[in-house]
N, C-alpha and C. Protein backbone atom coordinates (compact mmCIF):
# COMPACT_ATOMS: atom_id res chain seq x y z
N MET A 1 2.37 -31.26 31.44
CA MET A 1 2.26 -31.63 30.04
C MET A 1 2.20 -30.43 29.15
N LYS A 2 1.60 -29.33 29.60
CA LYS A 2 1.56 -28.08 28.77
C LYS A 2 2.95 -27.56 28.54
N ILE A 3 3.82 -27.64 29.55
CA ILE A 3 5.21 -27.14 29.40
C ILE A 3 5.94 -27.89 28.29
N HIS A 4 5.72 -29.17 28.19
CA HIS A 4 6.38 -30.02 27.18
C HIS A 4 5.91 -29.57 25.77
N LYS A 5 4.60 -29.29 25.66
CA LYS A 5 4.07 -28.82 24.34
C LYS A 5 4.65 -27.46 23.96
N ILE A 6 4.74 -26.61 24.96
CA ILE A 6 5.31 -25.24 24.72
C ILE A 6 6.78 -25.36 24.31
N ILE A 7 7.55 -26.18 25.01
CA ILE A 7 8.94 -26.37 24.69
C ILE A 7 9.09 -26.95 23.28
N ALA A 8 8.26 -27.94 22.97
CA ALA A 8 8.31 -28.58 21.67
C ALA A 8 7.95 -27.55 20.55
N LEU A 9 6.97 -26.74 20.83
CA LEU A 9 6.52 -25.69 19.85
C LEU A 9 7.68 -24.67 19.65
N VAL A 10 8.29 -24.24 20.71
CA VAL A 10 9.40 -23.29 20.62
C VAL A 10 10.56 -23.94 19.83
N PHE A 11 10.86 -25.20 20.11
CA PHE A 11 11.93 -25.89 19.41
C PHE A 11 11.67 -26.00 17.92
N VAL A 12 10.44 -26.44 17.59
CA VAL A 12 10.09 -26.56 16.17
C VAL A 12 10.07 -25.22 15.48
N SER A 13 9.55 -24.17 16.10
CA SER A 13 9.57 -22.85 15.50
C SER A 13 10.96 -22.35 15.31
N THR A 14 11.81 -22.51 16.26
CA THR A 14 13.24 -22.07 16.12
C THR A 14 13.88 -22.80 14.99
N PHE A 15 13.64 -24.14 14.92
CA PHE A 15 14.27 -24.94 13.90
C PHE A 15 13.81 -24.50 12.48
N LEU A 16 12.52 -24.27 12.34
CA LEU A 16 12.00 -23.89 11.03
C LEU A 16 12.54 -22.51 10.56
N PHE A 17 12.56 -21.52 11.51
CA PHE A 17 13.05 -20.19 11.17
C PHE A 17 14.59 -20.24 10.93
N SER A 18 15.33 -21.02 11.69
CA SER A 18 16.75 -21.01 11.51
C SER A 18 17.18 -21.74 10.17
N CYS A 19 16.30 -22.57 9.71
CA CYS A 19 16.55 -23.26 8.42
C CYS A 19 15.97 -22.49 7.24
N ASN A 20 15.46 -21.31 7.53
CA ASN A 20 14.83 -20.46 6.50
C ASN A 20 13.66 -21.16 5.81
N PHE A 21 12.95 -21.95 6.57
CA PHE A 21 11.82 -22.67 6.01
C PHE A 21 10.76 -21.74 5.42
N PHE A 22 10.64 -20.55 6.05
CA PHE A 22 9.63 -19.63 5.61
C PHE A 22 10.11 -18.66 4.55
N THR A 23 11.37 -18.74 4.21
CA THR A 23 11.89 -17.91 3.13
C THR A 23 12.42 -18.81 2.05
N ASP A 24 12.18 -18.46 0.80
CA ASP A 24 12.63 -19.31 -0.28
C ASP A 24 14.00 -18.78 -0.73
N SER A 25 15.05 -19.53 -0.38
CA SER A 25 16.36 -19.25 -0.81
C SER A 25 16.91 -20.38 -1.71
N SER A 26 15.97 -20.99 -2.43
CA SER A 26 16.35 -22.07 -3.33
C SER A 26 17.20 -21.53 -4.44
N PRO A 27 17.96 -22.43 -5.14
CA PRO A 27 18.72 -21.95 -6.30
C PRO A 27 17.89 -21.22 -7.34
N ASN A 28 16.68 -21.68 -7.53
CA ASN A 28 15.79 -20.95 -8.49
C ASN A 28 15.51 -19.52 -8.02
N ARG A 29 15.25 -19.37 -6.73
CA ARG A 29 14.98 -18.08 -6.15
C ARG A 29 16.22 -17.15 -6.24
N VAL A 30 17.36 -17.67 -5.95
CA VAL A 30 18.62 -16.93 -6.01
C VAL A 30 18.77 -16.41 -7.45
N PHE A 31 18.60 -17.34 -8.40
CA PHE A 31 18.77 -17.03 -9.83
C PHE A 31 17.75 -15.96 -10.22
N GLU A 32 16.48 -16.16 -9.80
CA GLU A 32 15.45 -15.20 -10.17
C GLU A 32 15.71 -13.82 -9.68
N LEU A 33 16.07 -13.71 -8.38
CA LEU A 33 16.30 -12.42 -7.78
C LEU A 33 17.56 -11.68 -8.36
N ILE A 34 18.52 -12.46 -8.65
CA ILE A 34 19.79 -11.86 -9.14
C ILE A 34 19.88 -11.85 -10.67
N GLY A 35 19.78 -12.98 -11.31
CA GLY A 35 19.99 -13.08 -12.69
C GLY A 35 18.90 -12.40 -13.50
N LEU A 36 17.66 -12.56 -13.15
CA LEU A 36 16.59 -11.96 -13.95
C LEU A 36 16.47 -10.48 -13.69
N ASN A 37 16.66 -10.07 -12.45
CA ASN A 37 16.58 -8.63 -12.14
C ASN A 37 17.77 -7.86 -12.72
N ALA A 38 18.87 -8.54 -12.99
CA ALA A 38 19.99 -7.88 -13.61
C ALA A 38 19.65 -7.37 -15.02
N ASN A 39 18.62 -7.99 -15.64
CA ASN A 39 18.20 -7.55 -16.95
C ASN A 39 17.57 -6.16 -16.91
N LYS A 40 17.23 -5.62 -15.75
CA LYS A 40 16.66 -4.31 -15.65
C LYS A 40 17.76 -3.20 -15.78
N ILE A 41 19.01 -3.62 -15.72
CA ILE A 41 20.10 -2.62 -15.90
C ILE A 41 20.22 -2.29 -17.35
N PRO A 42 20.10 -1.03 -17.70
CA PRO A 42 20.23 -0.68 -19.13
C PRO A 42 21.59 -1.04 -19.69
N SER A 43 21.60 -1.59 -20.88
CA SER A 43 22.89 -1.96 -21.53
C SER A 43 23.55 -0.71 -22.19
N SER A 44 22.74 0.32 -22.41
CA SER A 44 23.30 1.54 -23.03
C SER A 44 22.54 2.76 -22.49
N TYR A 45 23.28 3.54 -21.75
CA TYR A 45 22.65 4.80 -21.22
C TYR A 45 22.41 5.75 -22.34
N GLU A 46 23.24 5.71 -23.35
CA GLU A 46 23.02 6.60 -24.50
C GLU A 46 21.71 6.29 -25.15
N ARG A 47 21.36 5.07 -25.31
CA ARG A 47 20.10 4.68 -25.94
C ARG A 47 18.89 5.16 -25.06
N VAL A 48 19.05 4.97 -23.74
CA VAL A 48 17.98 5.45 -22.82
C VAL A 48 17.72 6.93 -23.02
N PHE A 49 18.76 7.73 -23.11
CA PHE A 49 18.54 9.16 -23.17
C PHE A 49 18.22 9.62 -24.57
N LYS A 50 18.57 8.87 -25.63
CA LYS A 50 18.05 9.18 -26.93
C LYS A 50 16.54 9.02 -26.97
N GLU A 51 16.07 8.00 -26.28
CA GLU A 51 14.62 7.81 -26.23
C GLU A 51 13.91 8.93 -25.43
N TYR A 52 14.55 9.33 -24.33
CA TYR A 52 13.94 10.40 -23.52
C TYR A 52 14.02 11.72 -24.30
N TYR A 53 15.10 11.96 -25.02
CA TYR A 53 15.21 13.18 -25.80
C TYR A 53 14.10 13.22 -26.83
N GLN A 54 13.86 12.09 -27.48
CA GLN A 54 12.80 12.03 -28.52
C GLN A 54 11.44 12.22 -27.86
N GLN A 55 11.21 11.60 -26.66
CA GLN A 55 9.89 11.81 -26.02
C GLN A 55 9.66 13.27 -25.65
N LYS A 56 10.77 13.96 -25.21
CA LYS A 56 10.63 15.39 -24.89
C LYS A 56 10.25 16.15 -26.15
N GLN A 57 10.90 15.86 -27.29
CA GLN A 57 10.59 16.51 -28.53
C GLN A 57 9.16 16.24 -28.96
N ASN A 58 8.64 15.07 -28.72
CA ASN A 58 7.33 14.65 -29.11
C ASN A 58 6.24 15.09 -28.07
N GLY A 59 6.69 15.55 -26.92
CA GLY A 59 5.70 15.89 -25.85
C GLY A 59 5.06 14.72 -25.19
N THR A 60 5.75 13.59 -25.17
CA THR A 60 5.14 12.36 -24.66
C THR A 60 5.73 11.90 -23.35
N LEU A 61 6.54 12.73 -22.67
CA LEU A 61 7.12 12.34 -21.40
C LEU A 61 6.00 12.23 -20.35
N GLN A 62 6.06 11.16 -19.54
CA GLN A 62 4.99 10.97 -18.54
C GLN A 62 5.63 10.48 -17.27
N ALA A 63 4.88 10.75 -16.14
CA ALA A 63 5.15 10.19 -14.84
C ALA A 63 3.83 9.95 -14.14
N LEU A 64 3.92 9.31 -13.00
CA LEU A 64 2.70 8.96 -12.27
C LEU A 64 1.97 10.25 -11.75
N ALA A 65 0.69 10.25 -11.93
CA ALA A 65 -0.09 11.40 -11.46
C ALA A 65 -0.30 11.35 -9.94
N ASP A 66 -0.79 12.41 -9.39
CA ASP A 66 -1.01 12.50 -7.94
C ASP A 66 -2.00 11.46 -7.42
N ASP A 67 -2.87 11.00 -8.27
CA ASP A 67 -3.87 9.99 -7.83
C ASP A 67 -3.24 8.59 -7.70
N GLN A 68 -1.95 8.47 -8.14
CA GLN A 68 -1.20 7.22 -8.04
C GLN A 68 -1.81 6.09 -8.94
N LYS A 69 -2.71 6.48 -9.85
CA LYS A 69 -3.35 5.48 -10.73
C LYS A 69 -3.22 5.81 -12.20
N SER A 70 -2.97 7.03 -12.49
CA SER A 70 -2.90 7.40 -13.92
C SER A 70 -1.56 8.08 -14.22
N MET A 71 -1.32 8.34 -15.46
CA MET A 71 -0.10 9.02 -15.88
C MET A 71 -0.44 10.46 -16.26
N ARG A 72 0.54 11.32 -16.15
CA ARG A 72 0.38 12.72 -16.51
C ARG A 72 1.64 13.20 -17.33
N SER A 73 1.47 14.28 -18.03
CA SER A 73 2.67 14.85 -18.71
C SER A 73 3.64 15.26 -17.63
N SER A 74 4.93 15.14 -17.98
CA SER A 74 5.96 15.48 -17.02
C SER A 74 7.21 16.06 -17.70
N THR A 75 8.09 16.51 -16.81
CA THR A 75 9.42 16.90 -17.28
C THR A 75 10.24 15.61 -17.47
N CYS A 76 11.37 15.71 -18.04
CA CYS A 76 12.28 14.57 -18.23
C CYS A 76 12.78 14.10 -16.84
N VAL A 77 13.13 15.05 -15.99
CA VAL A 77 13.59 14.64 -14.63
C VAL A 77 12.55 13.86 -13.91
N GLU A 78 11.28 14.30 -13.95
CA GLU A 78 10.21 13.58 -13.27
C GLU A 78 10.02 12.20 -13.90
N ALA A 79 10.08 12.12 -15.21
CA ALA A 79 9.93 10.80 -15.87
C ALA A 79 11.06 9.82 -15.48
N VAL A 80 12.30 10.31 -15.52
CA VAL A 80 13.42 9.49 -15.15
C VAL A 80 13.34 9.04 -13.68
N ASN A 81 12.96 9.97 -12.82
CA ASN A 81 12.82 9.60 -11.41
C ASN A 81 11.74 8.58 -11.18
N PHE A 82 10.65 8.73 -11.93
CA PHE A 82 9.55 7.78 -11.81
C PHE A 82 9.99 6.39 -12.31
N PHE A 83 10.56 6.34 -13.49
CA PHE A 83 10.86 5.03 -14.12
C PHE A 83 12.16 4.39 -13.54
N TYR A 84 13.12 5.16 -13.12
CA TYR A 84 14.37 4.64 -12.69
C TYR A 84 14.82 4.94 -11.24
N GLY A 85 14.10 5.81 -10.59
CA GLY A 85 14.52 6.26 -9.26
C GLY A 85 14.68 5.16 -8.23
N ASN A 86 13.86 4.19 -8.21
CA ASN A 86 13.89 3.13 -7.21
C ASN A 86 13.87 1.74 -7.83
N THR A 87 14.49 1.61 -9.00
CA THR A 87 14.41 0.35 -9.73
C THR A 87 14.85 -0.85 -8.92
N PHE A 88 15.93 -0.71 -8.15
CA PHE A 88 16.49 -1.88 -7.50
C PHE A 88 16.32 -1.93 -5.96
N LYS A 89 15.59 -0.91 -5.41
CA LYS A 89 15.48 -0.76 -4.01
C LYS A 89 14.90 -2.08 -3.38
N GLU A 90 13.81 -2.54 -3.83
CA GLU A 90 13.18 -3.79 -3.33
C GLU A 90 14.01 -5.02 -3.68
N ASP A 91 14.60 -5.02 -4.85
CA ASP A 91 15.46 -6.17 -5.21
C ASP A 91 16.62 -6.31 -4.21
N ILE A 92 17.23 -5.19 -3.90
CA ILE A 92 18.39 -5.22 -2.99
C ILE A 92 17.93 -5.74 -1.62
N LYS A 93 16.77 -5.30 -1.14
CA LYS A 93 16.27 -5.82 0.12
C LYS A 93 16.07 -7.31 0.06
N LYS A 94 15.47 -7.80 -0.98
CA LYS A 94 15.17 -9.22 -1.10
C LYS A 94 16.49 -10.05 -1.21
N ILE A 95 17.46 -9.50 -1.91
CA ILE A 95 18.73 -10.19 -2.06
C ILE A 95 19.46 -10.24 -0.69
N HIS A 96 19.40 -9.15 0.05
CA HIS A 96 19.94 -9.18 1.42
C HIS A 96 19.32 -10.23 2.28
N ASN A 97 18.06 -10.52 2.05
CA ASN A 97 17.35 -11.52 2.86
C ASN A 97 17.56 -12.96 2.46
N LEU A 98 18.25 -13.15 1.30
CA LEU A 98 18.54 -14.56 0.91
C LEU A 98 19.43 -15.21 1.94
N SER A 99 19.28 -16.51 2.07
CA SER A 99 20.08 -17.27 3.01
C SER A 99 21.52 -17.34 2.43
N LYS A 100 22.45 -16.93 3.27
CA LYS A 100 23.87 -16.95 2.83
C LYS A 100 24.53 -18.25 3.27
N THR A 101 24.96 -19.02 2.33
CA THR A 101 25.76 -20.19 2.57
C THR A 101 27.17 -19.97 2.01
N ASP A 102 28.06 -20.90 2.22
CA ASP A 102 29.39 -20.77 1.66
C ASP A 102 29.29 -20.60 0.12
N GLU A 103 28.28 -21.29 -0.46
CA GLU A 103 28.14 -21.24 -1.88
C GLU A 103 27.49 -19.96 -2.39
N THR A 104 26.48 -19.48 -1.69
CA THR A 104 25.74 -18.31 -2.15
C THR A 104 26.33 -16.97 -1.71
N LYS A 105 27.08 -16.97 -0.65
CA LYS A 105 27.58 -15.69 -0.08
C LYS A 105 28.32 -14.86 -1.13
N PRO A 106 29.27 -15.43 -1.86
CA PRO A 106 29.97 -14.57 -2.85
C PRO A 106 29.07 -14.06 -3.99
N ILE A 107 28.06 -14.88 -4.35
CA ILE A 107 27.11 -14.44 -5.38
C ILE A 107 26.29 -13.27 -4.82
N ILE A 108 25.75 -13.43 -3.64
CA ILE A 108 24.90 -12.44 -3.06
C ILE A 108 25.70 -11.14 -2.86
N GLU A 109 26.90 -11.21 -2.32
CA GLU A 109 27.69 -10.01 -2.14
C GLU A 109 28.00 -9.32 -3.48
N ALA A 110 28.36 -10.05 -4.50
CA ALA A 110 28.63 -9.44 -5.82
C ALA A 110 27.35 -8.80 -6.42
N ALA A 111 26.23 -9.45 -6.20
CA ALA A 111 24.94 -8.92 -6.69
C ALA A 111 24.58 -7.60 -5.97
N ILE A 112 24.70 -7.62 -4.67
CA ILE A 112 24.37 -6.39 -3.96
C ILE A 112 25.28 -5.27 -4.39
N ASP A 113 26.56 -5.55 -4.56
CA ASP A 113 27.48 -4.54 -5.01
C ASP A 113 27.04 -3.97 -6.40
N MET A 114 26.69 -4.88 -7.29
CA MET A 114 26.27 -4.49 -8.65
C MET A 114 24.98 -3.64 -8.58
N PHE A 115 23.95 -4.16 -7.91
CA PHE A 115 22.66 -3.46 -7.87
C PHE A 115 22.76 -2.14 -7.14
N GLU A 116 23.54 -2.03 -6.08
CA GLU A 116 23.65 -0.77 -5.40
C GLU A 116 24.35 0.24 -6.28
N TYR A 117 25.32 -0.22 -7.03
CA TYR A 117 26.06 0.70 -7.96
C TYR A 117 25.14 1.17 -9.08
N ALA A 118 24.37 0.24 -9.60
CA ALA A 118 23.42 0.60 -10.71
C ALA A 118 22.35 1.55 -10.16
N GLN A 119 21.89 1.30 -8.96
CA GLN A 119 20.86 2.16 -8.32
C GLN A 119 21.46 3.56 -8.11
N GLU A 120 22.68 3.65 -7.67
CA GLU A 120 23.34 4.96 -7.46
C GLU A 120 23.39 5.73 -8.76
N ILE A 121 23.71 5.09 -9.86
CA ILE A 121 23.82 5.75 -11.17
C ILE A 121 22.39 6.26 -11.55
N GLN A 122 21.44 5.42 -11.37
CA GLN A 122 20.05 5.81 -11.79
C GLN A 122 19.48 6.89 -10.91
N THR A 123 19.89 6.92 -9.64
CA THR A 123 19.38 7.89 -8.72
C THR A 123 20.11 9.24 -8.85
N ASN A 124 21.40 9.18 -9.09
CA ASN A 124 22.24 10.43 -9.11
C ASN A 124 22.58 10.94 -10.56
N ASP A 125 22.98 10.05 -11.39
CA ASP A 125 23.43 10.47 -12.71
C ASP A 125 22.31 10.67 -13.70
N PHE A 126 21.33 9.79 -13.71
CA PHE A 126 20.22 9.88 -14.62
C PHE A 126 19.52 11.28 -14.54
N PRO A 127 19.19 11.74 -13.36
CA PRO A 127 18.53 13.05 -13.29
C PRO A 127 19.33 14.22 -13.86
N LYS A 128 20.65 14.11 -13.77
CA LYS A 128 21.54 15.19 -14.28
C LYS A 128 21.42 15.24 -15.80
N ILE A 129 21.40 14.11 -16.43
CA ILE A 129 21.27 14.11 -17.92
C ILE A 129 19.88 14.48 -18.30
N ALA A 130 18.83 14.02 -17.52
CA ALA A 130 17.47 14.40 -17.81
C ALA A 130 17.30 15.92 -17.71
N LYS A 131 17.94 16.53 -16.75
CA LYS A 131 17.85 17.96 -16.58
C LYS A 131 18.44 18.67 -17.83
N MET A 132 19.49 18.11 -18.39
CA MET A 132 20.00 18.66 -19.66
C MET A 132 18.95 18.71 -20.71
N ILE A 133 18.15 17.62 -20.80
CA ILE A 133 17.07 17.62 -21.76
C ILE A 133 16.03 18.63 -21.47
N ASP A 134 15.65 18.72 -20.16
CA ASP A 134 14.65 19.74 -19.77
C ASP A 134 15.13 21.16 -19.99
N ASP A 135 16.46 21.36 -19.87
CA ASP A 135 17.06 22.71 -20.06
C ASP A 135 17.28 23.06 -21.53
N GLY A 136 16.90 22.14 -22.43
CA GLY A 136 16.97 22.46 -23.86
C GLY A 136 18.36 22.25 -24.49
N LYS A 137 19.19 21.46 -23.84
CA LYS A 137 20.50 21.12 -24.44
C LYS A 137 20.30 20.39 -25.76
N THR A 138 21.27 20.47 -26.65
CA THR A 138 21.13 19.79 -27.95
C THR A 138 21.21 18.29 -27.79
N GLN A 139 20.72 17.57 -28.75
CA GLN A 139 20.79 16.13 -28.74
C GLN A 139 22.24 15.67 -28.66
N GLU A 140 23.11 16.37 -29.38
CA GLU A 140 24.51 16.05 -29.33
C GLU A 140 25.11 16.18 -27.95
N GLU A 141 24.75 17.24 -27.24
CA GLU A 141 25.23 17.44 -25.87
C GLU A 141 24.72 16.34 -24.92
N VAL A 142 23.46 15.99 -25.07
CA VAL A 142 22.86 14.91 -24.25
C VAL A 142 23.52 13.61 -24.58
N ASN A 143 23.69 13.31 -25.87
CA ASN A 143 24.35 12.06 -26.26
C ASN A 143 25.75 11.95 -25.72
N GLN A 144 26.47 13.07 -25.77
CA GLN A 144 27.86 13.11 -25.27
C GLN A 144 27.88 12.78 -23.76
N ALA A 145 26.99 13.38 -22.98
CA ALA A 145 26.92 13.11 -21.54
C ALA A 145 26.55 11.67 -21.28
N ALA A 146 25.60 11.11 -22.08
CA ALA A 146 25.21 9.70 -21.88
C ALA A 146 26.38 8.77 -22.27
N GLN A 147 27.04 9.12 -23.36
CA GLN A 147 28.24 8.33 -23.77
C GLN A 147 29.30 8.29 -22.71
N GLN A 148 29.51 9.47 -22.13
CA GLN A 148 30.49 9.57 -21.01
C GLN A 148 30.11 8.69 -19.88
N LEU A 149 28.82 8.63 -19.51
CA LEU A 149 28.35 7.78 -18.48
C LEU A 149 28.50 6.31 -18.85
N ASP A 150 28.23 5.93 -20.13
CA ASP A 150 28.44 4.61 -20.59
C ASP A 150 29.93 4.21 -20.44
N ASN A 151 30.82 5.16 -20.85
CA ASN A 151 32.23 4.81 -20.88
C ASN A 151 32.90 4.74 -19.51
N THR A 152 32.31 5.37 -18.53
CA THR A 152 32.87 5.32 -17.16
C THR A 152 32.07 4.41 -16.28
N LYS A 153 30.99 4.90 -15.77
CA LYS A 153 30.21 4.10 -14.83
C LYS A 153 29.54 2.88 -15.48
N GLY A 154 29.18 3.06 -16.73
CA GLY A 154 28.58 1.93 -17.47
C GLY A 154 29.60 0.82 -17.63
N ALA A 155 30.83 1.13 -17.90
CA ALA A 155 31.87 0.15 -18.02
C ALA A 155 32.07 -0.59 -16.72
N GLU A 156 31.96 0.15 -15.61
CA GLU A 156 32.10 -0.44 -14.25
C GLU A 156 30.89 -1.36 -13.98
N VAL A 157 29.70 -0.98 -14.35
CA VAL A 157 28.53 -1.86 -14.18
C VAL A 157 28.79 -3.12 -14.97
N ASP A 158 29.32 -2.99 -16.19
CA ASP A 158 29.55 -4.20 -17.06
C ASP A 158 30.49 -5.17 -16.31
N LYS A 159 31.56 -4.59 -15.66
CA LYS A 159 32.47 -5.50 -14.93
C LYS A 159 31.80 -6.19 -13.78
N LYS A 160 30.98 -5.45 -13.08
CA LYS A 160 30.25 -5.97 -11.90
C LYS A 160 29.24 -7.09 -12.40
N TYR A 161 28.59 -6.83 -13.52
CA TYR A 161 27.62 -7.74 -14.09
C TYR A 161 28.34 -9.07 -14.48
N LYS A 162 29.53 -8.91 -15.16
CA LYS A 162 30.27 -10.05 -15.58
C LYS A 162 30.68 -10.90 -14.32
N LYS A 163 31.10 -10.26 -13.30
CA LYS A 163 31.53 -10.96 -12.06
C LYS A 163 30.34 -11.74 -11.51
N VAL A 164 29.18 -11.09 -11.46
CA VAL A 164 27.99 -11.76 -10.91
C VAL A 164 27.64 -12.98 -11.77
N MET A 165 27.65 -12.82 -13.10
CA MET A 165 27.31 -13.93 -13.94
C MET A 165 28.32 -15.08 -13.87
N GLU A 166 29.61 -14.73 -13.72
CA GLU A 166 30.63 -15.76 -13.55
C GLU A 166 30.41 -16.60 -12.32
N LEU A 167 29.77 -16.05 -11.32
CA LEU A 167 29.48 -16.80 -10.12
C LEU A 167 28.09 -17.47 -10.16
N LEU A 168 27.10 -16.73 -10.70
CA LEU A 168 25.73 -17.17 -10.71
C LEU A 168 25.48 -18.34 -11.70
N LEU A 169 25.99 -18.23 -12.89
CA LEU A 169 25.67 -19.27 -13.91
C LEU A 169 26.20 -20.65 -13.54
N PRO A 170 27.41 -20.78 -13.10
CA PRO A 170 27.84 -22.13 -12.68
C PRO A 170 27.02 -22.65 -11.50
N TYR A 171 26.65 -21.77 -10.58
CA TYR A 171 25.75 -22.14 -9.45
C TYR A 171 24.44 -22.63 -9.99
N ALA A 172 23.82 -21.94 -10.94
CA ALA A 172 22.61 -22.32 -11.54
C ALA A 172 22.71 -23.67 -12.23
N ASP A 173 23.78 -23.80 -13.01
CA ASP A 173 24.02 -25.06 -13.71
C ASP A 173 24.16 -26.23 -12.72
N LYS A 174 24.93 -26.05 -11.67
CA LYS A 174 25.16 -27.11 -10.71
C LYS A 174 23.84 -27.51 -10.02
N HIS A 175 22.93 -26.61 -9.84
CA HIS A 175 21.68 -26.92 -9.16
C HIS A 175 20.49 -27.13 -10.13
N GLY A 176 20.72 -27.29 -11.41
CA GLY A 176 19.70 -27.57 -12.34
C GLY A 176 18.69 -26.49 -12.62
N VAL A 177 19.08 -25.25 -12.44
CA VAL A 177 18.20 -24.12 -12.74
C VAL A 177 18.17 -23.97 -14.24
N GLU A 178 16.96 -23.92 -14.76
CA GLU A 178 16.85 -23.78 -16.26
C GLU A 178 16.81 -22.29 -16.59
N TYR A 179 17.56 -21.92 -17.61
CA TYR A 179 17.53 -20.53 -18.06
C TYR A 179 18.02 -20.56 -19.52
N LYS A 180 17.77 -19.42 -20.20
CA LYS A 180 18.21 -19.31 -21.58
C LYS A 180 19.20 -18.15 -21.65
N LYS A 181 20.25 -18.36 -22.38
CA LYS A 181 21.23 -17.32 -22.65
C LYS A 181 20.86 -16.64 -23.96
N PHE A 182 21.00 -15.34 -24.02
CA PHE A 182 20.74 -14.65 -25.28
C PHE A 182 21.97 -13.97 -25.74
């Protein structure tokens, strides 16, 4: 009799895990992880760095202190790394863990491509422009570098974002996910 209970328990456990019972891959969750987190991608790198330039001039740049509880004065590179260095790391992991169906697979793949590209920009390109600020470059030089980033990689992020939304919004509509367009 014990063997039948063990077999039944193994069968039920296998069934529940294979159906992703313990992970939420509902249309709402797919939309939340992809659509809402896409809002973290800056729409203008020039605007981001104008703000950082101003903070440098005002002496208000901050990053997390060693105690991991408070903020401290920082360089622009430290502030950028703190605020943007790992923006999408956890989101990408969670998106990878979504259940891939014929319907969600293209959405998930496009989202991962977009978030990984945005993360690469924020990890590699943002500190370069922040260093310009720390090195005392003029606002015009910083703006020019940020505009260049907007015009090249920013334009590519916009294409990737558009592709994601062209897949995600019809999926959300089909499954009754409520959202607001701005």
